[in-house]
C-alpha atoms as a PDB file:
ATOM      1  CA  MET A   1      13.938  58.056 -38.301  1.00  0.00           C
ATOM      2  CA  THR A   2      14.197  54.537 -39.222  1.00  0.00           C
ATOM      3  CA  GLY A   3      15.700  51.679 -37.163  1.00  0.00           C
ATOM      4  CA  LEU A   4      15.584  48.195 -36.511  1.00  0.00           C
ATOM      5  CA  ALA A   5      12.498  47.177 -34.373  1.00  0.00           C
ATOM      6  CA  LEU A   6      13.035  44.374 -31.799  1.00  0.00           C
ATOM      7  CA  ARG A   7      10.816  42.364 -29.652  1.00  0.00           C
ATOM      8  CA  ASP A   8      10.682  45.059 -26.980  1.00  0.00           C
ATOM      9  CA  GLY A   9       9.133  47.439 -29.661  1.00  0.00           C
ATOM     10  CA  LEU A  10      12.273  49.848 -29.486  1.00  0.00           C
ATOM     11  CA  ARG A  11      13.973  51.084 -32.794  1.00  0.00           C
ATOM     12  CA  ARG A  12      17.725  50.721 -32.344  1.00  0.00           C
ATOM     13  CA  ILE A  13      19.659  53.222 -34.533  1.00  0.00           C
ATOM     14  CA  THR A  14      23.410  52.735 -34.878  1.00  0.00           C
ATOM     15  CA  VAL A  15      25.512  55.946 -34.778  1.00  0.00           C
ATOM     16  CA  ALA A  16      28.753  55.368 -36.545  1.00  0.00           C
ATOM     17  CA  GLN A  17      31.995  57.275 -36.143  1.00  0.00           C
ATOM     18  CA  GLY A  18      31.650  60.846 -37.197  1.00  0.00           C
ATOM     19  CA  GLU A  19      27.835  60.952 -36.961  1.00  0.00           C
ATOM     20  CA  THR A  20      25.179  62.587 -34.922  1.00  0.00           C
ATOM     21  CA  ARG A  21      21.649  61.682 -34.369  1.00  0.00           C
ATOM     22  CA  VAL A  22      18.947  63.558 -32.578  1.00  0.00           C
ATOM     23  CA  SER A  23      15.452  62.368 -31.756  1.00  0.00           C
ATOM     24  CA  ASP A  24      12.243  63.074 -29.650  1.00  0.00           C
ATOM     25  CA  GLU A  25      10.604  59.780 -30.297  1.00  0.00           C
ATOM     26  CA  THR A  26      10.142  57.531 -27.166  1.00  0.00           C
ATOM     27  CA  ASP A  27      10.745  54.436 -28.989  1.00  0.00           C
ATOM     28  CA  VAL A  28      14.078  55.270 -30.373  1.00  0.00           C
ATOM     29  CA  VAL A  29      17.432  53.874 -28.999  1.00  0.00           C
ATOM     30  CA  LEU A  30      20.612  55.414 -30.303  1.00  0.00           C
ATOM     31  CA  THR A  31      23.628  53.058 -29.956  1.00  0.00           C
ATOM     32  CA  THR A  32      27.275  53.114 -30.761  1.00  0.00           C
ATOM     33  CA  VAL A  33      30.491  51.283 -29.917  1.00  0.00           C
ATOM     34  CA  LEU A  34      33.426  53.158 -28.723  1.00  0.00           C
ATOM     35  CA  GLY A  35      37.232  52.671 -28.116  1.00  0.00           C
ATOM     36  CA  SER A  36      39.273  55.802 -27.765  1.00  0.00           C
ATOM     37  CA  CYS A  37      36.414  57.771 -29.345  1.00  0.00           C
ATOM     38  CA  ILE A  38      33.953  59.761 -27.407  1.00  0.00           C
ATOM     39  CA  ALA A  39      30.156  59.824 -27.543  1.00  0.00           C
ATOM     40  CA  ALA A  40      28.332  62.838 -25.949  1.00  0.00           C
ATOM     41  CA  CYS A  41      24.759  62.423 -25.111  1.00  0.00           C
ATOM     42  CA  PHE A  42      22.681  65.652 -24.648  1.00  0.00           C
ATOM     43  CA  TYR A  43      19.308  65.750 -23.301  1.00  0.00           C
ATOM     44  CA  ASP A  44      16.767  68.645 -22.904  1.00  0.00           C
ATOM     45  CA  PRO A  45      14.238  67.459 -19.892  1.00  0.00           C
ATOM     46  CA  VAL A  46      11.652  69.933 -20.844  1.00  0.00           C
ATOM     47  CA  ALA A  47      11.467  69.701 -24.730  1.00  0.00           C
ATOM     48  CA  LYS A  48      12.104  65.908 -24.198  1.00  0.00           C
ATOM     49  CA  VAL A  49      14.672  65.800 -27.027  1.00  0.00           C
ATOM     50  CA  GLY A  50      18.080  64.276 -26.994  1.00  0.00           C
ATOM     51  CA  GLY A  51      20.977  63.460 -29.259  1.00  0.00           C
ATOM     52  CA  ILE A  52      24.408  61.600 -29.403  1.00  0.00           C
ATOM     53  CA  ASN A  53      27.565  62.223 -31.434  1.00  0.00           C
ATOM     54  CA  HIS A  54      30.534  59.900 -31.968  1.00  0.00           C
ATOM     55  CA  TYR A  55      33.848  61.730 -32.533  1.00  0.00           C
ATOM     56  CA  LEU A  56      37.207  60.194 -33.102  1.00  0.00           C
ATOM     57  CA  LEU A  57      39.753  62.862 -32.396  1.00  0.00           C
ATOM     58  CA  ALA A  58      39.614  65.950 -30.064  1.00  0.00           C
ATOM     59  CA  GLU A  59      41.020  68.423 -32.593  1.00  0.00           C
ATOM     60  CA  GLY A  60      42.042  68.438 -36.253  1.00  0.00           C
ATOM     61  CA  HIS A  61      41.335  70.007 -39.587  1.00  0.00           C
ATOM     62  CA  ALA A  62      39.403  68.785 -42.607  1.00  0.00           C
ATOM     63  CA  SER A  63      38.061  70.491 -45.763  1.00  0.00           C
ATOM     64  CA  ASP A  64      34.876  68.663 -46.212  1.00  0.00           C
ATOM     65  CA  PRO A  65      31.907  68.489 -43.852  1.00  0.00           C
ATOM     66  CA  ALA A  66      31.777  64.669 -43.643  1.00  0.00           C
ATOM     67  CA  SER A  67      35.327  64.460 -42.396  1.00  0.00           C
ATOM     68  CA  MET A  68      34.858  67.520 -40.158  1.00  0.00           C
ATOM     69  CA  GLN A  69      32.545  65.334 -37.781  1.00  0.00           C
ATOM     70  CA  ARG A  70      35.400  63.213 -36.848  1.00  0.00           C
ATOM     71  CA  TYR A  71      36.664  66.237 -34.707  1.00  0.00           C
ATOM     72  CA  GLY A  72      35.346  67.044 -31.242  1.00  0.00           C
ATOM     73  CA  VAL A  73      34.570  70.755 -31.729  1.00  0.00           C
ATOM     74  CA  TYR A  74      32.555  70.207 -34.986  1.00  0.00           C
ATOM     75  CA  ALA A  75      30.663  67.295 -33.697  1.00  0.00           C
ATOM     76  CA  MET A  76      29.679  69.185 -30.538  1.00  0.00           C
ATOM     77  CA  GLU A  77      28.409  72.111 -32.636  1.00  0.00           C
ATOM     78  CA  VAL A  78      26.444  69.774 -34.975  1.00  0.00           C
ATOM     79  CA  LEU A  79      24.924  68.081 -31.991  1.00  0.00           C
ATOM     80  CA  ILE A  80      23.844  71.372 -30.312  1.00  0.00           C
ATOM     81  CA  ASN A  81      22.528  72.872 -33.522  1.00  0.00           C
ATOM     82  CA  ALA A  82      20.417  69.758 -34.107  1.00  0.00           C
ATOM     83  CA  MET A  83      19.038  69.930 -30.676  1.00  0.00           C
ATOM     84  CA  LEU A  84      18.024  73.484 -31.023  1.00  0.00           C
ATOM     85  CA  ALA A  85      16.453  72.761 -34.401  1.00  0.00           C
ATOM     86  CA  MET A  86      14.148  70.233 -32.405  1.00  0.00           C
ATOM     87  CA  GLY A  87      13.180  72.719 -29.868  1.00  0.00           C
ATOM     88  CA  GLY A  88      15.850  72.269 -27.256  1.00  0.00           C
ATOM     89  CA  VAL A  89      17.005  75.123 -25.316  1.00  0.00           C
ATOM     90  CA  ARG A  90      20.806  75.296 -24.672  1.00  0.00           C
ATOM     91  CA  SER A  91      20.592  76.344 -21.006  1.00  0.00           C
ATOM     92  CA  ARG A  92      18.602  73.253 -20.206  1.00  0.00           C
ATOM     93  CA  PHE A  93      20.992  70.619 -21.856  1.00  0.00           C
ATOM     94  CA  LYS A  94      22.218  67.913 -19.736  1.00  0.00           C
ATOM     95  CA  ALA A  95      25.313  66.007 -20.872  1.00  0.00           C
ATOM     96  CA  ARG A  96      26.898  62.540 -20.378  1.00  0.00           C
ATOM     97  CA  ILE A  97      30.062  61.441 -22.027  1.00  0.00           C
ATOM     98  CA  PHE A  98      31.362  57.884 -22.720  1.00  0.00           C
ATOM     99  CA  GLY A  99      34.610  56.336 -24.217  1.00  0.00           C
ATOM    100  CA  GLY A 100      37.903  57.526 -24.243  1.00  0.00           C
ATOM    101  CA  ALA A 101      39.764  54.224 -23.666  1.00  0.00           C
ATOM    102  CA  THR A 102      43.398  53.591 -24.064  1.00  0.00           C
ATOM    103  CA  MET A 103      43.208  50.848 -26.667  1.00  0.00           C
ATOM    104  CA  ARG A 104      46.970  50.447 -27.253  1.00  0.00           C
ATOM    105  CA  THR A 105      49.641  50.942 -24.782  1.00  0.00           C
ATOM    106  CA  GLY A 106      52.802  52.779 -25.862  1.00  0.00           C
ATOM    107  CA  PHE A 107      50.917  55.213 -28.315  1.00  0.00           C
ATOM    108  CA  ARG A 108      49.841  58.615 -27.842  1.00  0.00           C
ATOM    109  CA  ASP A 109      46.753  58.775 -25.339  1.00  0.00           C
ATOM    110  CA  ILE A 110      44.047  59.708 -27.938  1.00  0.00           C
ATOM    111  CA  GLY A 111      41.313  58.673 -25.514  1.00  0.00           C
ATOM    112  CA  GLY A 112      42.755  60.985 -22.721  1.00  0.00           C
ATOM    113  CA  ASP A 113      42.903  63.814 -25.291  1.00  0.00           C
ATOM    114  CA  ASN A 114      39.199  63.201 -26.178  1.00  0.00           C
ATOM    115  CA  ILE A 115      38.043  63.110 -22.497  1.00  0.00           C
ATOM    116  CA  ALA A 116      39.934  66.265 -21.724  1.00  0.00           C
ATOM    117  CA  PHE A 117      38.277  67.983 -24.894  1.00  0.00           C
ATOM    118  CA  ALA A 118      34.847  66.948 -23.972  1.00  0.00           C
ATOM    119  CA  ARG A 119      35.100  68.189 -20.392  1.00  0.00           C
ATOM    120  CA  ARG A 120      36.622  71.437 -21.360  1.00  0.00           C
ATOM    121  CA  PHE A 121      34.005  72.110 -24.116  1.00  0.00           C
ATOM    122  CA  LEU A 122      31.276  71.347 -21.844  1.00  0.00           C
ATOM    123  CA  ARG A 123      32.584  73.526 -18.990  1.00  0.00           C
ATOM    124  CA  ASP A 124      33.322  76.438 -21.556  1.00  0.00           C
ATOM    125  CA  GLU A 125      29.884  76.112 -23.155  1.00  0.00           C
ATOM    126  CA  ARG A 126      28.230  75.941 -19.669  1.00  0.00           C
ATOM    127  CA  ILE A 127      26.407  72.620 -20.428  1.00  0.00           C
ATOM    128  CA  ALA A 128      25.989  70.521 -17.283  1.00  0.00           C
ATOM    129  CA  LEU A 129      27.944  67.308 -17.306  1.00  0.00           C
ATOM    130  CA  VAL A 130      25.775  64.992 -15.250  1.00  0.00           C
ATOM    131  CA  GLY A 131      27.590  61.749 -15.877  1.00  0.00           C
ATOM    132  CA  GLU A 132      30.429  60.047 -17.645  1.00  0.00           C
ATOM    133  CA  ASP A 133      32.008  56.568 -18.050  1.00  0.00           C
ATOM    134  CA  VAL A 134      35.459  57.196 -19.590  1.00  0.00           C
ATOM    135  CA  GLY A 135      39.023  55.990 -19.718  1.00  0.00           C
ATOM    136  CA  GLY A 136      40.230  52.598 -18.842  1.00  0.00           C
ATOM    137  CA  ASN A 137      41.224  50.028 -21.475  1.00  0.00           C
ATOM    138  CA  GLY A 138      37.945  48.509 -22.545  1.00  0.00           C
ATOM    139  CA  ALA A 139      35.602  49.154 -25.449  1.00  0.00           C
ATOM    140  CA  ARG A 140      32.113  50.336 -24.568  1.00  0.00           C
ATOM    141  CA  ARG A 141      28.706  49.976 -26.154  1.00  0.00           C
ATOM    142  CA  VAL A 142      26.497  52.806 -25.370  1.00  0.00           C
ATOM    143  CA  GLU A 143      22.600  52.796 -25.758  1.00  0.00           C
ATOM    144  CA  PHE A 144      20.863  56.306 -25.381  1.00  0.00           C
ATOM    145  CA  ARG A 145      17.091  56.887 -25.185  1.00  0.00           C
ATOM    146  CA  PRO A 146      17.150  60.398 -26.429  1.00  0.00           C
ATOM    147  CA  ALA A 147      13.580  61.417 -25.724  1.00  0.00           C
ATOM    148  CA  LEU A 148      13.709  60.060 -22.207  1.00  0.00           C
ATOM    149  CA  GLY A 149      17.418  61.135 -21.343  1.00  0.00           C
ATOM    150  CA  LEU A 150      18.304  57.359 -20.330  1.00  0.00           C
ATOM    151  CA  ALA A 151      21.813  56.101 -21.126  1.00  0.00           C
ATOM    152  CA  ARG A 152      23.283  52.660 -20.489  1.00  0.00           C
ATOM    153  CA  CYS A 153      26.819  52.081 -20.974  1.00  0.00           C
ATOM    154  CA  ARG A 154      28.497  48.491 -20.789  1.00  0.00           C
ATOM    155  CA  VAL A 155      32.107  47.575 -21.058  1.00  0.00           C
ATOM    156  CA  VAL A 156      32.595  45.167 -24.062  1.00  0.00           C
ATOM    157  CA  THR A 157      36.156  44.316 -23.122  1.00  0.00           C
ATOM    158  CA  GLU A 158      38.203  45.289 -20.137  1.00  0.00           C
ATOM    159  CA  GLN A 159      41.814  44.086 -20.441  1.00  0.00           C
ATOM    160  CA  SER A 160      45.216  45.321 -20.619  1.00  0.00           C
ATOM    161  CA  VAL A 161      46.504  45.288 -24.151  1.00  0.00           C
ATOM    162  CA  PRO A 162      49.088  42.552 -24.234  1.00  0.00           C
ATOM    163  CA  ALA A 163      52.485  43.106 -25.691  1.00  0.00           C
ATOM    164  CA  PRO A 164      53.220  41.446 -28.951  1.00  0.00           C
ATOM    165  CA  VAL A 165      54.442  37.939 -28.612  1.00  0.00           C
ATOM    166  CA  VAL A 166      57.910  37.350 -30.148  1.00  0.00           C
ATOM    167  CA  ARG A 167      58.745  33.732 -30.818  1.00  0.00           C
ATOM    168  CA  VAL A 168      62.465  32.778 -31.076  1.00  0.00           C
ATOM    169  CA  ARG A 169      63.210  29.555 -32.617  1.00  0.00           C
ATOM    170  CA  PRO A 170      66.341  27.838 -31.623  1.00  0.00           C
ATOM    171  CA  ALA A 171      69.051  27.775 -34.090  1.00  0.00           C
ATOM    172  CA  PRO A 172      69.270  24.476 -36.188  1.00  0.00           C
ATOM    173  CA  PRO A 173      72.061  22.137 -35.352  1.00  0.00           C
ATOM    174  CA  PRO A 174      75.053  22.351 -37.474  1.00  0.00           C
ATOM    175  CA  PRO A 175      75.279  19.939 -40.446  1.00  0.00           C
ATOM    176  CA  ALA A 176      76.585  16.486 -39.858  1.00  0.00           C
ATOM    177  CA  THR A 177      80.136  16.001 -40.764  1.00  0.00           C
ATOM    178  CA  LEU A 178      81.715  12.887 -42.162  1.00  0.00           C
ATOM    179  CA  GLY A 179      82.322  10.359 -39.412  1.00  0.00           C
ATOM    180  CA  ASP A 180      79.326  11.657 -37.381  1.00  0.00           C
ATOM    181  CA  VAL A 181      76.539   9.059 -36.321  1.00  0.00           C
ATOM    182  CA  GLU A 182      73.019  10.299 -36.067  1.00  0.00           C
ATOM    183  CA  PHE A 183      70.680   8.336 -33.764  1.00  0.00           C
ATOM    184  CA  PHE A 184      66.862   8.389 -34.198  1.00  0.00           C
END
């Protein structure tokens, strides 16, 4: 697994929308930025393997595998299977979820739908949800050390989304008529 090595000796690997990454390397940090999307971080404390996904929508349909990872159920299954392939045991998985912000007021609550899906999926699959940082109005940056099970989440922005500004210009004065005097 390649990544950008920094002064601290850690390799940071960016996980984009619709991607999943799994690692058992102690110097790897998986990182992503979320708005209404969700990132689920799974960790097996015995196998010392972990992974993260980044899905955009709770549910939906797509015909090609690359597009399917945008949806929660597919992204979760990909993460579980990748963890199993690296020696993880499903009954030991611990999960944390991040994201699900409301980025635009007045629209459908995509973030809320994503949070509800993640919680329901983990409950139905009997995967322990040990932590979460979800909801609100701010984008988040998540950093996950998969081999250690350590996650850090920072709010990038936390503000209500302002309503659009509508500027009204005053109507121009009526044209001058003959006999009017204009002063400067």
